[in-house]
Amino acid sequence: ENRLRLFLLISVVPPLSACLPPYTTVQFLGTTSAIPWAEIVATRNVLIHEYFGVDLGAVWKIVRDDLPALAEQLKKLLA
């Protein structure tokens, strides 16, 4: 159950960035080097397509170490 929650959380962020209006995408996603969008999308692709080959330790490290900082950066952008 927790695995499913983690995968859903990580897999939702990149598609949501595609839902932003074009001016927002250019303004924020194209110019904000502090947010590693390419890495986020690549991680999502691995999680979605590797299924049982995913390293759960690596996923937990992302959740523990990277998601809190990403959440803060996104809050600043959207404020």
N, C-alpha and C. Protein backbone atom coordinates (compact mmCIF):
# COMPACT_ATOMS: atom_id res chain seq x y z
N GLU A 1 0.83 -1.20 0.00
CA GLU A 1 0.00 0.00 0.00
C GLU A 1 0.87 1.26 0.00
N ASN A 2 1.89 1.30 0.84
CA ASN A 2 2.77 2.47 0.86
C ASN A 2 3.57 2.59 -0.44
N ARG A 3 3.94 1.45 -1.01
CA ARG A 3 4.65 1.48 -2.30
C ARG A 3 3.79 2.15 -3.36
N LEU A 4 2.54 1.77 -3.39
CA LEU A 4 1.63 2.34 -4.37
C LEU A 4 1.50 3.84 -4.17
N ARG A 5 1.39 4.28 -2.94
CA ARG A 5 1.29 5.72 -2.66
C ARG A 5 2.53 6.46 -3.15
N LEU A 6 3.71 5.90 -2.88
CA LEU A 6 4.95 6.54 -3.30
C LEU A 6 5.03 6.64 -4.82
N PHE A 7 4.73 5.55 -5.49
CA PHE A 7 4.78 5.56 -6.95
C PHE A 7 3.78 6.56 -7.52
N LEU A 8 2.60 6.62 -6.96
CA LEU A 8 1.60 7.57 -7.45
C LEU A 8 2.06 9.00 -7.25
N LEU A 9 2.62 9.28 -6.08
CA LEU A 9 3.09 10.63 -5.78
C LEU A 9 4.18 11.06 -6.75
N ILE A 10 5.17 10.21 -6.94
CA ILE A 10 6.28 10.57 -7.81
C ILE A 10 5.85 10.60 -9.28
N SER A 11 4.92 9.77 -9.64
CA SER A 11 4.52 9.71 -11.05
C SER A 11 3.58 10.83 -11.46
N VAL A 12 3.02 11.56 -10.51
CA VAL A 12 2.05 12.60 -10.82
C VAL A 12 2.72 13.95 -11.11
N VAL A 13 3.85 14.23 -10.52
CA VAL A 13 4.46 15.56 -10.66
C VAL A 13 4.80 15.92 -12.11
N PRO A 14 5.50 15.09 -12.86
CA PRO A 14 5.82 15.49 -14.25
C PRO A 14 4.60 15.73 -15.13
N PRO A 15 3.58 14.86 -15.11
CA PRO A 15 2.41 15.16 -15.95
C PRO A 15 1.71 16.45 -15.54
N LEU A 16 1.72 16.77 -14.25
CA LEU A 16 1.09 18.02 -13.81
C LEU A 16 1.80 19.23 -14.40
N SER A 17 3.12 19.14 -14.54
CA SER A 17 3.85 20.27 -15.12
C SER A 17 3.42 20.52 -16.56
N ALA A 18 2.97 19.50 -17.25
CA ALA A 18 2.49 19.66 -18.62
C ALA A 18 1.14 20.36 -18.66
N CYS A 19 0.43 20.42 -17.54
CA CYS A 19 -0.89 21.05 -17.49
C CYS A 19 -0.81 22.56 -17.25
N LEU A 20 0.38 23.06 -16.96
CA LEU A 20 0.51 24.49 -16.73
C LEU A 20 0.32 25.25 -18.03
N PRO A 21 -0.20 26.48 -17.95
CA PRO A 21 -0.34 27.29 -19.16
C PRO A 21 1.02 27.51 -19.82
N PRO A 22 1.05 27.70 -21.15
CA PRO A 22 2.33 27.85 -21.86
C PRO A 22 3.22 28.95 -21.30
N TYR A 23 2.65 30.10 -20.94
CA TYR A 23 3.49 31.18 -20.42
C TYR A 23 4.13 30.78 -19.10
N THR A 24 3.41 30.01 -18.30
CA THR A 24 3.96 29.54 -17.03
C THR A 24 5.08 28.55 -17.29
N THR A 25 4.88 27.68 -18.25
CA THR A 25 5.89 26.68 -18.57
C THR A 25 7.18 27.36 -19.00
N VAL A 26 7.08 28.34 -19.88
CA VAL A 26 8.27 29.05 -20.35
C VAL A 26 8.87 29.85 -19.20
N GLN A 27 8.03 30.55 -18.47
CA GLN A 27 8.52 31.42 -17.40
C GLN A 27 9.21 30.63 -16.30
N PHE A 28 8.60 29.54 -15.85
CA PHE A 28 9.13 28.81 -14.71
C PHE A 28 9.95 27.59 -15.10
N LEU A 29 9.38 26.72 -15.89
CA LEU A 29 10.05 25.47 -16.19
C LEU A 29 11.27 25.67 -17.07
N GLY A 30 11.18 26.63 -17.97
CA GLY A 30 12.29 26.84 -18.89
C GLY A 30 13.44 27.63 -18.30
N THR A 31 13.19 28.39 -17.26
CA THR A 31 14.23 29.26 -16.73
C THR A 31 14.66 28.91 -15.32
N THR A 32 14.04 27.96 -14.71
CA THR A 32 14.35 27.65 -13.32
C THR A 32 15.27 26.44 -13.26
N SER A 33 16.56 26.70 -13.20
CA SER A 33 17.52 25.60 -13.18
C SER A 33 17.57 24.91 -11.83
N ALA A 34 17.00 25.52 -10.79
CA ALA A 34 17.00 24.90 -9.47
C ALA A 34 16.12 23.66 -9.43
N ILE A 35 15.18 23.56 -10.33
CA ILE A 35 14.30 22.39 -10.39
C ILE A 35 14.75 21.52 -11.55
N PRO A 36 15.21 20.31 -11.25
CA PRO A 36 15.73 19.42 -12.30
C PRO A 36 14.62 18.70 -13.05
N TRP A 37 13.91 19.41 -13.92
CA TRP A 37 12.73 18.84 -14.58
C TRP A 37 13.08 17.60 -15.39
N ALA A 38 14.20 17.62 -16.08
CA ALA A 38 14.57 16.46 -16.90
C ALA A 38 14.77 15.22 -16.03
N GLU A 39 15.40 15.40 -14.86
CA GLU A 39 15.59 14.27 -13.95
C GLU A 39 14.26 13.79 -13.38
N ILE A 40 13.37 14.71 -13.08
CA ILE A 40 12.06 14.34 -12.54
C ILE A 40 11.30 13.50 -13.56
N VAL A 41 11.30 13.95 -14.80
CA VAL A 41 10.60 13.20 -15.85
C VAL A 41 11.25 11.84 -16.06
N ALA A 42 12.58 11.79 -16.07
CA ALA A 42 13.28 10.52 -16.27
C ALA A 42 12.98 9.54 -15.13
N THR A 43 12.94 10.04 -13.91
CA THR A 43 12.62 9.19 -12.76
C THR A 43 11.21 8.66 -12.87
N ARG A 44 10.31 9.50 -13.26
CA ARG A 44 8.92 9.07 -13.43
C ARG A 44 8.83 7.98 -14.49
N ASN A 45 9.54 8.15 -15.58
CA ASN A 45 9.50 7.16 -16.65
C ASN A 45 10.02 5.80 -16.19
N VAL A 46 11.09 5.81 -15.41
CA VAL A 46 11.61 4.55 -14.87
C VAL A 46 10.58 3.91 -13.96
N LEU A 47 10.00 4.69 -13.06
CA LEU A 47 9.01 4.14 -12.13
C LEU A 47 7.80 3.56 -12.84
N ILE A 48 7.36 4.23 -13.87
CA ILE A 48 6.16 3.80 -14.57
C ILE A 48 6.42 2.59 -15.45
N HIS A 49 7.60 2.51 -16.04
CA HIS A 49 7.84 1.47 -17.05
C HIS A 49 8.67 0.29 -16.56
N GLU A 50 9.36 0.42 -15.44
CA GLU A 50 10.18 -0.68 -14.95
C GLU A 50 9.41 -1.65 -14.06
N TYR A 51 8.29 -1.21 -13.54
CA TYR A 51 7.42 -2.05 -12.71
C TYR A 51 8.19 -2.68 -11.56
N PHE A 52 8.47 -3.97 -11.65
CA PHE A 52 9.05 -4.70 -10.53
C PHE A 52 10.57 -4.55 -10.44
N GLY A 53 11.17 -3.88 -11.39
CA GLY A 53 12.62 -3.69 -11.36
C GLY A 53 13.04 -2.43 -10.64
N VAL A 54 12.11 -1.73 -10.03
CA VAL A 54 12.40 -0.46 -9.36
C VAL A 54 13.08 -0.72 -8.03
N ASP A 55 14.13 0.03 -7.76
CA ASP A 55 14.85 -0.06 -6.49
C ASP A 55 14.08 0.76 -5.45
N LEU A 56 13.41 0.06 -4.55
CA LEU A 56 12.57 0.75 -3.56
C LEU A 56 13.40 1.61 -2.61
N GLY A 57 14.63 1.22 -2.37
CA GLY A 57 15.51 2.05 -1.55
C GLY A 57 15.78 3.39 -2.21
N ALA A 58 15.97 3.37 -3.51
CA ALA A 58 16.20 4.62 -4.25
C ALA A 58 14.94 5.48 -4.24
N VAL A 59 13.79 4.84 -4.36
CA VAL A 59 12.52 5.58 -4.31
C VAL A 59 12.37 6.24 -2.95
N TRP A 60 12.65 5.51 -1.89
CA TRP A 60 12.52 6.08 -0.54
C TRP A 60 13.49 7.25 -0.37
N LYS A 61 14.70 7.14 -0.91
CA LYS A 61 15.67 8.23 -0.82
C LYS A 61 15.13 9.48 -1.51
N ILE A 62 14.51 9.31 -2.66
CA ILE A 62 13.90 10.44 -3.36
C ILE A 62 12.82 11.08 -2.51
N VAL A 63 11.96 10.25 -1.95
CA VAL A 63 10.86 10.76 -1.13
C VAL A 63 11.40 11.48 0.10
N ARG A 64 12.38 10.90 0.75
CA ARG A 64 12.92 11.46 1.99
C ARG A 64 13.78 12.69 1.74
N ASP A 65 14.63 12.63 0.71
CA ASP A 65 15.64 13.67 0.53
C ASP A 65 15.28 14.74 -0.50
N ASP A 66 14.55 14.36 -1.54
CA ASP A 66 14.34 15.28 -2.65
C ASP A 66 12.95 15.92 -2.70
N LEU A 67 11.92 15.17 -2.37
CA LEU A 67 10.56 15.72 -2.49
C LEU A 67 10.29 16.91 -1.58
N PRO A 68 10.78 16.92 -0.32
CA PRO A 68 10.52 18.11 0.50
C PRO A 68 11.10 19.40 -0.11
N ALA A 69 12.31 19.31 -0.64
CA ALA A 69 12.93 20.49 -1.26
C ALA A 69 12.17 20.89 -2.52
N LEU A 70 11.77 19.91 -3.31
CA LEU A 70 10.99 20.20 -4.52
C LEU A 70 9.67 20.87 -4.16
N ALA A 71 9.02 20.39 -3.12
CA ALA A 71 7.75 20.99 -2.69
C ALA A 71 7.95 22.45 -2.31
N GLU A 72 9.03 22.76 -1.62
CA GLU A 72 9.30 24.15 -1.23
C GLU A 72 9.57 25.02 -2.46
N GLN A 73 10.32 24.50 -3.41
CA GLN A 73 10.60 25.26 -4.63
C GLN A 73 9.32 25.53 -5.41
N LEU A 74 8.46 24.53 -5.49
CA LEU A 74 7.20 24.71 -6.21
C LEU A 74 6.29 25.70 -5.50
N LYS A 75 6.27 25.66 -4.18
CA LYS A 75 5.46 26.63 -3.42
C LYS A 75 5.91 28.06 -3.73
N LYS A 76 7.23 28.26 -3.79
CA LYS A 76 7.76 29.60 -4.09
C LYS A 76 7.36 30.05 -5.49
N LEU A 77 7.44 29.13 -6.44
CA LEU A 77 7.08 29.47 -7.82
C LEU A 77 5.60 29.82 -7.95
N LEU A 78 4.77 29.13 -7.20
CA LEU A 78 3.33 29.31 -7.34
C LEU A 78 2.77 30.39 -6.42
N ALA A 79 3.61 30.96 -5.57
CA ALA A 79 3.15 31.99 -4.63
C ALA A 79 2.93 33.32 -5.33
